[in-house]
Protein backbone atom coordinates (compact mmCIF):
# COMPACT_ATOMS: atom_id res chain seq x y z
CA MET A 1 23.33 34.38 24.84
CA GLY A 2 19.67 32.76 24.48
CA ASN A 3 20.68 32.53 20.62
CA GLU A 4 23.09 30.91 21.55
CA GLU A 5 21.62 28.26 23.84
CA GLU A 6 19.01 27.91 20.95
CA ARG A 7 21.12 26.87 18.05
CA GLU A 8 22.98 24.41 20.13
CA ASN A 9 19.72 22.77 20.93
CA ARG A 10 18.80 22.84 17.67
CA ILE A 11 17.59 19.22 15.93
CA GLN A 12 20.56 17.29 13.82
CA LEU A 13 18.84 16.30 10.76
CA LYS A 14 20.55 14.94 6.84
CA GLY A 15 17.64 16.70 5.37
CA PHE A 16 14.20 18.36 5.19
CA CYS A 17 11.49 18.22 2.48
CA PHE A 18 10.80 21.88 2.11
CA SER A 19 8.43 24.03 0.85
CA PRO A 20 7.60 27.77 1.42
CA TYR A 21 4.01 27.66 1.57
CA LEU A 22 2.37 30.05 3.85
CA GLU A 23 -0.98 29.40 5.97
CA GLY A 24 -3.71 30.22 2.86
CA GLN A 25 -1.40 29.92 -0.54
CA SER A 26 -1.41 26.94 -2.14
CA PRO A 27 0.13 25.18 -5.81
CA GLY A 28 -1.78 26.84 -9.16
CA ASN A 29 -3.79 29.95 -7.24
CA PRO A 30 -2.08 33.32 -9.32
CA ASN A 31 -3.34 35.19 -6.26
CA GLN A 32 -1.50 33.18 -4.32
CA GLN A 33 2.28 33.03 -4.86
CA TRP A 34 5.87 32.97 -3.11
CA ASN A 35 8.84 35.10 -3.88
CA GLU A 36 11.94 34.65 -3.00
CA SER A 37 11.94 36.89 -0.53
CA GLN A 38 9.56 34.38 1.69
CA ILE A 39 11.57 31.50 0.29
CA GLU A 40 14.40 33.49 2.86
CA ASN A 41 12.45 34.07 6.15
CA ARG A 42 10.90 30.77 6.01
CA LEU A 43 14.74 28.68 5.02
CA ILE A 44 15.94 31.30 8.34
CA GLU A 45 13.08 30.34 10.80
CA MET A 46 13.75 26.92 10.17
CA THR A 47 17.00 27.09 10.73
CA LYS A 48 16.39 28.53 13.79
CA ARG A 49 15.49 25.29 15.30
CA CYS A 50 16.93 22.64 13.16
CA GLN A 51 20.61 22.31 11.48
CA VAL A 52 19.45 20.67 8.43
CA GLU A 53 22.50 19.30 5.72
CA GLY A 54 20.17 19.64 2.88
CA ILE A 55 16.79 20.59 1.51
CA ARG A 56 14.34 19.06 -0.82
CA THR A 57 12.46 20.59 -2.75
CA TYR A 58 9.01 20.28 -5.20
CA GLY A 59 8.21 21.85 -8.60
CA SER A 60 9.57 24.73 -10.06
CA SER A 61 6.84 27.02 -10.82
CA ASN A 62 3.64 27.82 -9.21
CA GLU A 63 1.99 25.58 -11.00
CA LEU A 64 -0.01 22.37 -9.53
CA GLN A 65 0.09 20.85 -12.21
CA SER A 66 2.47 22.40 -15.19
CA ASN A 67 3.95 21.27 -18.90
CA ASN A 68 6.75 18.10 -18.37
CA ASP A 69 8.71 20.22 -21.08
CA LEU A 70 8.20 23.12 -19.29
CA GLU A 71 9.36 21.16 -15.89
CA LEU A 72 12.09 19.82 -17.36
CA ASN A 73 14.16 22.47 -19.14
CA GLN A 74 13.87 24.78 -15.76
CA LEU A 75 15.56 22.04 -13.83
CA ILE A 76 17.84 22.17 -16.58
CA GLN A 77 18.13 25.64 -16.22
CA GLN A 78 18.61 25.68 -12.74
CA CYS A 79 21.65 22.34 -12.68
CA ASN A 80 23.48 24.88 -14.76
CA GLN A 81 23.08 27.96 -12.49
CA ARG A 82 26.49 28.54 -10.74
CA ASP A 83 26.46 31.00 -7.35
CA GLU A 84 29.21 34.24 -6.87
CA ARG A 85 32.32 31.31 -6.45
CA GLY A 86 31.34 29.31 -9.17
CA ASN A 87 29.71 26.80 -7.65
CA LEU A 88 27.43 24.60 -8.74
CA ILE A 89 24.16 25.28 -6.66
CA VAL A 90 22.64 21.32 -7.35
CA ASP A 91 23.36 18.79 -6.19
CA VAL A 92 21.26 16.48 -7.24
CA ALA A 93 18.21 16.77 -10.53
CA ILE A 94 14.97 14.53 -9.80
CA VAL A 95 13.17 14.02 -12.69
CA GLY A 96 9.78 13.19 -12.22
CA ASN A 97 8.22 12.58 -8.26
CA GLU A 98 6.10 9.30 -8.03
CA VAL A 99 5.30 9.38 -11.35
CA LEU A 100 4.85 5.78 -11.74
CA LEU A 101 2.60 5.72 -8.61
CA ARG A 102 0.02 8.11 -10.04
CA LYS A 103 0.63 7.13 -13.72
CA ASP A 104 1.47 9.82 -15.01
CA LEU A 105 4.39 8.32 -16.91
CA THR A 106 4.75 5.06 -18.22
CA ILE A 107 8.29 3.55 -17.37
CA ASP A 108 9.78 4.31 -21.14
CA GLU A 109 8.34 8.31 -20.61
CA LEU A 110 10.15 7.95 -17.11
CA ILE A 111 13.42 6.72 -18.60
CA LYS A 112 13.52 8.84 -21.59
CA CYS A 113 12.85 12.11 -19.65
CA ILE A 114 16.08 11.48 -17.18
CA GLN A 115 18.46 11.08 -20.35
CA PHE A 116 17.03 14.06 -21.36
CA VAL A 117 17.97 16.18 -18.51
CA ARG A 118 21.07 14.03 -17.99
CA ASP A 119 22.76 14.66 -21.28
CA ARG A 120 21.52 18.50 -21.14
CA ILE A 121 23.28 18.94 -17.33
CA PRO A 122 26.94 19.11 -16.18
CA HIS A 123 27.92 15.89 -15.38
CA GLN A 124 29.31 16.68 -11.28
CA VAL A 125 24.89 16.81 -11.23
CA GLN A 126 23.78 13.74 -10.00
CA ILE A 127 20.44 12.29 -11.66
CA THR A 128 17.23 10.20 -9.79
CA THR A 129 13.97 10.15 -9.54
CA ALA A 130 11.87 9.80 -6.77
CA GLU A 131 9.37 6.92 -5.94
CA PRO A 132 8.20 4.71 -3.58
CA TYR A 133 9.52 1.25 -2.82
CA GLY A 134 6.71 -0.40 -4.96
CA MET A 135 7.71 0.93 -8.24
CA TYR A 136 11.23 -0.23 -8.13
CA TYR A 137 10.39 -3.30 -7.10
CA LYS A 138 8.20 -3.16 -10.51
CA TYR A 139 10.78 -2.01 -12.64
CA PRO A 140 13.71 -2.78 -11.71
CA GLN A 141 15.52 -1.81 -14.73
CA LEU A 142 15.01 1.77 -13.58
CA ILE A 143 18.23 1.46 -10.87
CA GLN A 144 20.35 1.48 -14.07
CA HIS A 145 19.16 4.72 -15.66
CA LEU A 146 20.10 6.76 -11.79
CA ASP A 147 22.99 7.87 -10.23
CA LEU A 148 21.44 7.44 -6.78
CA VAL A 149 18.48 5.36 -5.32
CA TYR A 150 16.11 7.95 -3.94
CA VAL A 151 13.23 6.01 -2.33
CA HIS A 152 9.97 7.09 -0.49
CA ILE A 153 9.24 5.08 2.85
CA TYR A 154 5.89 5.51 5.23
CA ALA A 155 5.16 2.92 7.61
CA TYR A 156 1.88 5.04 7.70
CA TRP A 157 0.70 4.80 4.01
CA ASP A 158 1.51 1.60 4.38
CA GLN A 159 -0.39 1.17 7.55
CA ILE A 160 2.09 0.07 10.27
CA ASN A 161 0.89 1.11 12.93
CA VAL A 162 3.93 3.11 14.93
CA GLN A 163 5.63 -0.04 17.29
CA SER A 164 6.56 -1.58 13.89
CA ALA A 165 7.43 1.36 11.56
CA ILE A 166 11.12 1.43 12.13
CA HIS A 167 11.07 -2.58 11.27
CA HIS A 168 8.96 -1.79 8.43
CA THR A 169 11.22 0.36 7.39
CA GLN A 170 14.34 -1.18 8.25
CA SER A 171 13.37 -3.99 6.32
CA HIS A 172 12.09 -1.94 2.99
CA PHE A 173 15.14 -0.29 2.97
CA ASN A 174 17.21 -3.43 2.88
CA LYS A 175 15.74 -4.98 0.02
CA MET A 176 16.52 -1.87 -1.35
CA VAL A 177 19.73 -1.75 -1.28
CA SER A 178 19.76 -5.33 -1.89
CA ILE A 179 18.54 -4.76 -5.59
CA SER A 180 20.64 -1.37 -6.41
CA ASN A 181 23.60 -3.08 -7.52
CA GLY A 182 25.57 -1.09 -4.96
CA LYS A 183 24.10 2.76 -5.56
CA LYS A 184 23.58 5.00 -2.50
CA VAL A 185 20.19 4.53 -1.35
CA VAL A 186 18.82 7.46 -0.27
CA ILE A 187 15.52 7.55 1.74
CA ALA A 188 13.47 10.62 -0.24
CA GLU A 189 10.53 11.26 1.63
CA ILE A 190 9.70 9.63 5.06
CA GLY A 191 7.47 10.93 8.13
CA TRP A 192 4.52 10.62 10.33
CA PRO A 193 1.16 12.95 10.19
CA SER A 194 0.30 13.93 13.84
CA ALA A 195 -2.96 14.49 13.04
CA GLY A 196 -5.81 13.46 11.09
CA GLU A 197 -7.40 9.94 9.61
CA LYS A 198 -6.19 6.66 11.08
CA HIS A 199 -4.88 4.71 8.06
CA GLY A 200 -5.41 0.76 9.25
CA GLU A 201 -3.29 0.27 12.38
CA ALA A 202 -1.80 3.74 11.58
CA SER A 203 -3.10 6.44 14.29
CA PRO A 204 -1.88 10.10 13.24
CA ASN A 205 -1.16 11.68 16.55
CA GLN A 206 1.48 14.12 18.10
CA LYS A 207 2.91 11.13 20.31
CA ASN A 208 3.02 9.18 16.96
CA ALA A 209 4.80 11.08 15.00
CA SER A 210 7.31 12.97 17.47
CA GLN A 211 8.04 9.06 18.41
CA PHE A 212 8.50 7.79 15.05
CA PHE A 213 10.68 11.32 14.30
CA GLN A 214 12.43 9.90 17.61
CA GLU A 215 13.37 6.18 16.76
CA PHE A 216 13.85 7.23 12.52
CA LEU A 217 16.73 9.46 13.90
CA ALA A 218 17.75 7.12 16.26
CA TRP A 219 18.05 4.37 13.89
CA SER A 220 19.14 6.53 10.76
CA ASN A 221 21.89 8.18 12.21
CA LYS A 222 22.87 4.89 14.14
CA ASN A 223 22.94 3.16 10.77
CA GLY A 224 24.63 6.49 8.70
CA ILE A 225 21.90 6.15 6.36
CA GLU A 226 20.66 9.57 3.89
CA TYR A 227 17.53 10.95 4.35
CA PHE A 228 15.19 13.75 3.62
CA TYR A 229 12.54 14.37 6.63
CA PHE A 230 9.10 14.89 5.18
CA GLU A 231 8.24 17.70 6.17
CA ALA A 232 9.63 21.28 7.85
CA PHE A 233 6.30 22.54 8.37
CA ASP A 234 2.54 22.03 8.33
CA GLU A 235 0.74 22.56 4.54
CA GLY A 236 -2.46 23.36 5.09
CA TRP A 237 -3.18 23.00 1.37
CA LYS A 238 -2.75 19.51 1.51
CA VAL A 239 -6.35 18.80 3.18
CA ALA A 240 -7.53 19.05 -0.53
CA HIS A 241 -5.33 15.87 -1.49
CA GLU A 242 -4.77 13.87 1.48
CA GLY A 243 -7.76 14.47 3.58
CA GLU A 244 -6.87 16.64 7.62
CA ARG A 245 -3.81 14.56 7.75
CA GLY A 246 -2.65 16.13 5.01
CA ALA A 247 -1.55 19.31 6.40
CA HIS A 248 0.04 17.71 9.53
CA TRP A 249 3.27 16.86 7.90
CA GLY A 250 5.04 19.21 9.43
CA VAL A 251 8.33 18.64 12.01
CA MET A 252 6.76 22.71 12.74
CA ASP A 253 3.85 23.86 12.92
CA SER A 254 3.00 26.56 10.14
CA THR A 255 3.18 29.42 12.40
CA GLY A 256 7.32 28.09 12.29
CA SER A 257 7.10 26.47 15.70
CA LEU A 258 8.81 23.17 17.14
CA LYS A 259 5.75 20.52 17.58
CA GLU A 260 5.94 19.24 21.28
CA GLY A 261 8.29 15.69 21.70
CA PHE A 262 10.33 17.00 18.76
CA SER A 263 12.86 18.73 20.84
CA LEU A 264 16.75 18.04 21.07
CA GLN A 265 16.01 16.38 24.65
CA ASP A 266 13.97 14.26 23.64
CA GLU A 267 15.41 11.85 21.26
CA LYS A 268 15.16 8.21 22.11
CA GLU A 269 17.94 5.98 22.22
CA PRO A 270 18.75 4.11 19.09
CA ILE A 271 16.76 1.25 18.22
CA SER A 272 17.94 -2.47 17.88
CA GLY A 273 19.53 -2.45 14.45
CA GLN A 274 19.21 -6.06 14.32
CA SER A 275 16.65 -7.49 11.49
CA ILE A 276 13.92 -9.96 12.26
CA SER A 277 14.26 -13.79 11.01
CA ILE A 278 12.78 -16.54 10.41
CA GLN A 279 13.70 -19.53 11.43
CA ILE A 280 12.28 -22.99 10.98
CA SER A 281 13.25 -25.65 13.08
CA ASN A 282 13.18 -29.02 10.60
CA ILE A 283 12.63 -28.11 6.70
CA GLN A 284 13.04 -31.55 6.47
CA GLN A 285 10.31 -32.29 8.12
CA VAL A 286 7.76 -29.48 7.17
CA LEU A 287 8.42 -30.56 3.65
CA ASP A 288 7.52 -34.86 4.71
CA GLU A 289 4.91 -34.33 7.32
CA GLY A 290 3.71 -31.12 6.46
CA LYS A 291 4.80 -29.51 10.44
CA LEU A 292 5.86 -26.12 10.40
CA GLN A 293 7.64 -24.67 13.38
CA GLY A 294 10.03 -22.30 14.36
CA THR A 295 10.62 -18.92 16.29
CA ILE A 296 10.93 -14.93 14.70
CA LYS A 297 13.96 -13.81 15.82
CA ASN A 298 14.57 -10.71 17.44
CA LEU A 299 10.74 -9.53 16.79
CA PRO A 300 9.72 -7.20 19.26
CA ASN A 301 6.57 -6.55 21.12
CA ASP A 302 6.41 -10.10 22.13
CA GLY A 303 5.32 -11.03 18.30
CA LYS A 304 1.72 -9.74 19.13
CA ASP A 305 1.94 -7.09 16.01
CA TYR A 306 2.78 -10.21 13.77
CA SER A 307 1.19 -13.19 11.95
CA LEU A 308 2.69 -15.87 9.81
CA ALA A 309 1.44 -16.61 6.49
CA CYS A 310 2.18 -19.38 4.47
CA PHE A 311 1.45 -20.92 1.12
CA ILE A 312 2.44 -24.05 -0.77
CA LYS A 313 3.13 -24.60 -4.31
CA VAL A 314 1.74 -27.95 -5.67
CA ASP A 315 1.50 -28.92 -9.50
CA SER A 316 2.72 -24.95 -10.05
CA HIS A 317 -0.26 -23.29 -8.36
CA TRP A 318 0.19 -21.95 -4.77
CA TRP A 319 -2.57 -22.40 -2.21
CA THR A 320 -3.21 -20.49 1.61
CA LYS A 321 -2.56 -22.77 4.48
CA PRO A 322 -3.99 -24.13 6.65
CA THR A 323 -7.11 -23.28 5.50
CA PHE A 324 -8.91 -20.28 3.75
CA GLU A 325 -11.01 -20.09 6.97
CA SER A 326 -7.31 -19.59 9.45
CA PRO A 327 -5.00 -18.05 6.68
CA CYS A 328 -2.91 -16.19 9.42
CA ILE A 329 -1.03 -18.65 11.68
CA PRO A 330 -0.34 -17.03 15.00
CA ILE A 331 2.82 -15.95 16.99
CA TYR A 332 3.57 -17.26 20.89
CA GLN A 333 4.67 -15.21 23.56
CA SER A 334 7.61 -16.91 23.09
CA ARG A 335 8.00 -15.51 19.34
CA SER A 336 7.76 -18.88 18.41
CA PHE A 337 5.20 -20.29 15.64
CA ASN A 338 3.49 -24.86 15.03
CA VAL A 339 1.00 -25.79 12.73
CA GLN A 340 0.02 -27.94 10.48
CA ILE A 341 0.22 -26.92 7.09
CA TYR A 342 -0.69 -30.42 5.48
CA THR A 343 -4.45 -29.25 5.52
CA GLY A 344 -5.13 -30.44 2.40
CA GLU A 345 -5.30 -33.99 -0.51
CA GLY A 346 -1.90 -33.71 -2.36
CA ASP A 347 -0.35 -31.51 0.11
CA VAL A 348 2.29 -33.36 0.77
CA ASN A 349 3.84 -33.20 -2.92
CA SER A 350 4.23 -29.47 -2.62
CA SER A 351 7.57 -28.39 -4.55
CA GLU A 352 7.43 -24.91 -2.36
CA ILE A 353 6.73 -23.29 0.47
CA GLY A 354 6.55 -20.04 1.09
CA VAL A 355 6.16 -18.08 4.74
CA PHE A 356 5.87 -14.53 5.09
CA LEU A 357 5.84 -12.40 8.04
CA VAL A 358 2.91 -9.95 8.04
CA PRO A 359 1.90 -6.84 10.14
CA SER A 360 -1.17 -8.04 12.07
CA SER A 361 -3.29 -5.32 9.97
CA PHE A 362 -2.32 -6.73 6.73
CA SER A 363 -4.89 -9.45 5.21
CA PRO A 364 -2.85 -12.04 3.18
CA PRO A 365 -4.57 -12.61 0.08
CA LEU A 366 -6.28 -16.20 -0.45
CA ALA A 367 -4.34 -18.25 -2.76
CA GLY A 368 -6.49 -21.06 -4.30
CA GLY A 369 -4.35 -21.79 -7.50
CA ILE A 370 -2.91 -19.12 -8.59
CA GLU A 371 0.19 -19.27 -10.13
CA SER A 372 2.53 -17.03 -8.22
CA LEU A 373 2.42 -14.87 -4.79
CA PRO A 374 0.85 -11.16 -5.59
CA ASP A 375 3.52 -8.80 -5.42
CA SER A 376 1.73 -7.01 -2.50
CA LEU A 377 2.92 -10.38 -0.14
CA PHE A 378 6.71 -9.22 -0.84
CA HIS A 379 6.23 -6.02 0.03
CA SER A 380 4.30 -5.55 2.56
CA SER A 381 6.17 -8.75 4.28
CA ILE A 382 8.31 -7.81 6.98
CA CYS A 383 10.38 -10.80 6.15
CA TYR A 384 9.97 -14.50 4.64
CA GLU A 385 11.48 -17.61 3.61
CA VAL A 386 10.51 -19.79 0.77
CA ILE A 387 11.57 -24.07 0.72
CA HIS A 388 12.35 -25.60 -2.86
CA ARG A 389 11.69 -29.08 -2.64
CA GLU A 390 14.15 -29.50 -5.29
CA SER A 391 17.46 -27.68 -3.64
CA LEU A 392 17.49 -29.93 -0.87
CA ASN A 393 19.13 -32.76 -3.27
CA GLU A 394 20.17 -31.08 -6.11
CA ILE A 395 23.41 -28.98 -5.03
CA ASP A 396 26.23 -31.33 -3.50
CA ILE A 397 27.96 -30.02 -1.13
CA HIS A 398 31.60 -32.29 -1.48
CA GLU A 399 33.48 -29.28 0.83
CA SER A 400 32.00 -27.01 4.10
CA PRO A 401 33.24 -23.36 4.28
CA PHE A 402 31.86 -24.06 7.86
CA SER A 403 33.80 -27.26 8.02
CA LEU A 404 37.12 -25.96 6.66
CA SER A 405 40.24 -23.60 7.92
CA SER A 406 40.32 -22.55 4.15
CA GLY A 407 37.35 -21.18 4.00
CA ASN A 408 36.37 -22.73 -0.03
CA LEU A 409 33.47 -23.93 -1.07
CA SER A 410 32.81 -27.26 -3.66
CA GLY A 411 30.31 -29.43 -5.16
CA THR A 412 28.46 -30.51 -7.69
CA ILE A 413 25.19 -29.87 -9.65
CA ARG A 414 22.79 -33.23 -10.14
CA SER A 415 21.02 -33.11 -13.47
CA LEU A 416 22.82 -30.62 -15.26
CA SER A 417 22.37 -31.14 -18.81
CA ASN A 418 24.42 -28.56 -19.86
CA ALA A 419 26.61 -26.55 -17.08
CA LEU A 420 27.57 -23.94 -20.03
CA GLN A 421 23.94 -22.48 -19.74
CA TYR A 422 24.46 -21.56 -16.22
CA HIS A 423 26.25 -20.25 -12.70
CA LEU A 424 26.10 -19.91 -9.50
CA ALA A 425 25.91 -16.99 -6.89
CA VAL A 426 26.51 -17.37 -3.40
CA PHE A 427 26.11 -15.05 -0.19
CA ILE A 428 26.91 -15.67 3.21
CA LYS A 429 25.53 -14.52 6.19
CA VAL A 430 27.34 -12.73 8.76
CA GLY A 431 25.45 -11.61 11.92
CA ASP A 432 22.52 -10.18 10.34
CA GLY A 433 23.25 -9.07 7.17
CA TRP A 434 23.70 -11.11 4.18
CA TRP A 435 27.08 -10.56 1.56
CA THR A 436 27.74 -11.34 -1.70
CA LYS A 437 30.84 -13.97 -2.24
CA PRO A 438 33.47 -14.43 -3.15
CA THR A 439 33.57 -10.49 -4.25
CA PHE A 440 31.41 -8.01 -5.65
CA VAL A 441 34.03 -7.61 -8.91
CA HIS A 442 33.08 -11.94 -9.15
CA PRO A 443 29.79 -12.57 -7.88
CA VAL A 444 29.23 -16.01 -9.44
CA LEU A 445 30.82 -19.63 -9.53
CA PHE A 446 31.73 -21.07 -13.00
CA ILE A 447 30.36 -24.79 -12.98
CA ASN A 448 32.70 -27.08 -14.68
CA PRO A 449 31.12 -28.55 -17.80
CA GLN A 450 32.90 -32.03 -17.42
CA ASN A 451 31.70 -32.97 -14.71
CA ASN A 452 28.71 -30.20 -13.15
CA SER A 453 31.47 -29.29 -10.76
CA PHE A 454 32.49 -25.95 -8.41
CA SER A 455 34.71 -24.96 -6.17
CA ALA A 456 36.14 -21.05 -4.82
CA PRO A 457 37.18 -19.81 -1.56
CA ILE A 458 34.13 -18.23 -0.46
CA PHE A 459 35.18 -16.51 3.22
CA THR A 460 36.95 -13.67 1.70
CA GLY A 461 36.86 -10.80 3.89
CA PRO A 462 37.80 -10.21 7.64
CA ASN A 463 34.47 -11.41 9.18
CA ASP A 464 33.40 -14.23 6.47
CA SER A 465 34.74 -17.18 9.35
CA THR A 466 31.55 -16.05 11.63
CA ALA A 467 28.76 -16.68 9.47
CA SER A 468 26.44 -18.35 9.90
CA GLU A 469 24.28 -19.54 6.97
CA LEU A 470 25.16 -19.71 3.26
CA ALA A 471 23.17 -19.74 0.13
CA ILE A 472 23.77 -20.95 -3.17
CA PHE A 473 21.24 -20.06 -6.66
CA LEU A 474 21.95 -21.97 -10.11
CA LEU A 475 20.37 -19.49 -12.07
CA SER A 476 21.18 -18.75 -15.17
CA LYS A 477 23.45 -17.63 -17.63
CA ASP A 478 21.37 -14.48 -18.35
CA CYS A 479 20.94 -13.77 -15.06
CA LEU A 480 22.83 -11.61 -13.13
CA PRO A 481 22.65 -11.69 -9.30
CA PRO A 482 21.87 -8.33 -7.67
CA LYS A 483 24.65 -7.31 -5.29
CA VAL A 484 23.96 -7.76 -1.40
CA ALA A 485 25.83 -5.93 1.14
CA GLY A 486 24.18 -6.50 4.47
CA SER A 487 20.93 -6.78 3.62
CA SER A 488 18.65 -8.54 6.23
CA HIS A 489 17.19 -10.66 4.12
CA LEU A 490 17.86 -12.14 0.07
CA PRO A 491 16.08 -10.29 -2.52
CA HIS A 492 12.86 -12.27 -3.42
CA GLU A 493 13.69 -12.15 -7.08
CA LEU A 494 16.38 -14.62 -6.22
CA PHE A 495 14.22 -17.31 -5.72
CA GLU A 496 12.15 -16.80 -7.98
CA GLN A 497 14.54 -17.15 -11.05
CA CYS A 498 16.90 -19.88 -10.03
CA LYS A 499 16.53 -23.78 -10.87
CA THR A 500 17.42 -24.47 -7.40
CA HIS A 501 18.99 -22.97 -4.09
CA ARG A 502 20.14 -24.86 -1.01
CA ILE A 503 20.94 -22.55 2.28
CA ILE A 504 23.67 -24.47 4.40
CA HIS A 505 23.63 -23.68 8.50
CA SER A 506 27.15 -23.49 10.19
């Protein structure tokens, strides 16, 4: 009876990151190698407390650093193995783990390795690599070589406090979905250490680790997100590489005991799936007078853990606002903000204004006339808005889907010399998510070269008539827009690559 109750109370998990090392063992130590029996015993220990749909393993030898060719050939061999029933034993082949982050390989070398493996494994085995989200933002071309996208998201390593960690996770997961062109995105590593060194605003302790675990499970279960939680057991050997925290990532300790706060009875209610967004009150007033005011929608904890970073672009160069001495704009308890950002001579001539919601622990870069905003700003922000002065008058709207029962959009592009060199990308916001329109199959609108006009039905889905916003981007015909399906915000690449854009509210 006791065993039945134990099975019923097991934690339900989509996936676990699993390594077989016992206390005192480490990879690369020939005197402490594990064997198949040890792996089997550790798996049995894991399944006593957790019901897991899949596991992710690492490496294929006892060597901590091994030859790339050897690793690839061992991976290929495993991907071709079948069980006694003739079924393949590997579902997904992961070619490289954070090799771009560590600079073990260049992007071209990694793509070459992926293709090498792909040519030698059954087509039923999907292929991917595993990197932190920042590497995919930096090398988006990598995604086209993958069958599905494995991403690592660690609020702890990003120095985010545990109260904001799930919203931080949700934001970057949505960004990954928006740039993955419809391919499945799997969180291949995520977790929080239960002891060790503080990292910025992220504190590793038992309470925070269990809180993050429970909130993540509630959020991922509610939204149907696939993941591999890092990790099953504590591994003491990692102290040498990550400090004390490296030994405390496990849901279970090194003996196989479930840590306090991780039991099924402690599961929290799902957190709100609503996305955080910046709502600027009067865009024209911001551009004309520099008076930036508005509210942050769905912001937790009364905004005390967040601030805004603002930048303006004057004569093709970006500047921190309001001042270098005050680079962060406070958010009031009402989740509102109100500040004068035109504080220098010539600010009224700004062509763009960027507003970023960032954790209080994040120090925004100081821009003193730089040509482009750094990637770290986009990566660390919860959400952002970029206002283009030209976008307010270059795209004329004749018919808005918000005012027509037909859901049609029509208009013209001013001052466009060669319409055949451009097309339009259109997105609508339904609820808290943005969607490509008219369809994924037809993600761009044609511009008539005779009069620079465009027209198309935009409301093509059952809930489209409830849309609250519509965004239009004028792009070069060589620039294919990302396919967006329910993301909390539009990819920043759209704002950077477009000639102009316009956002309409219902």
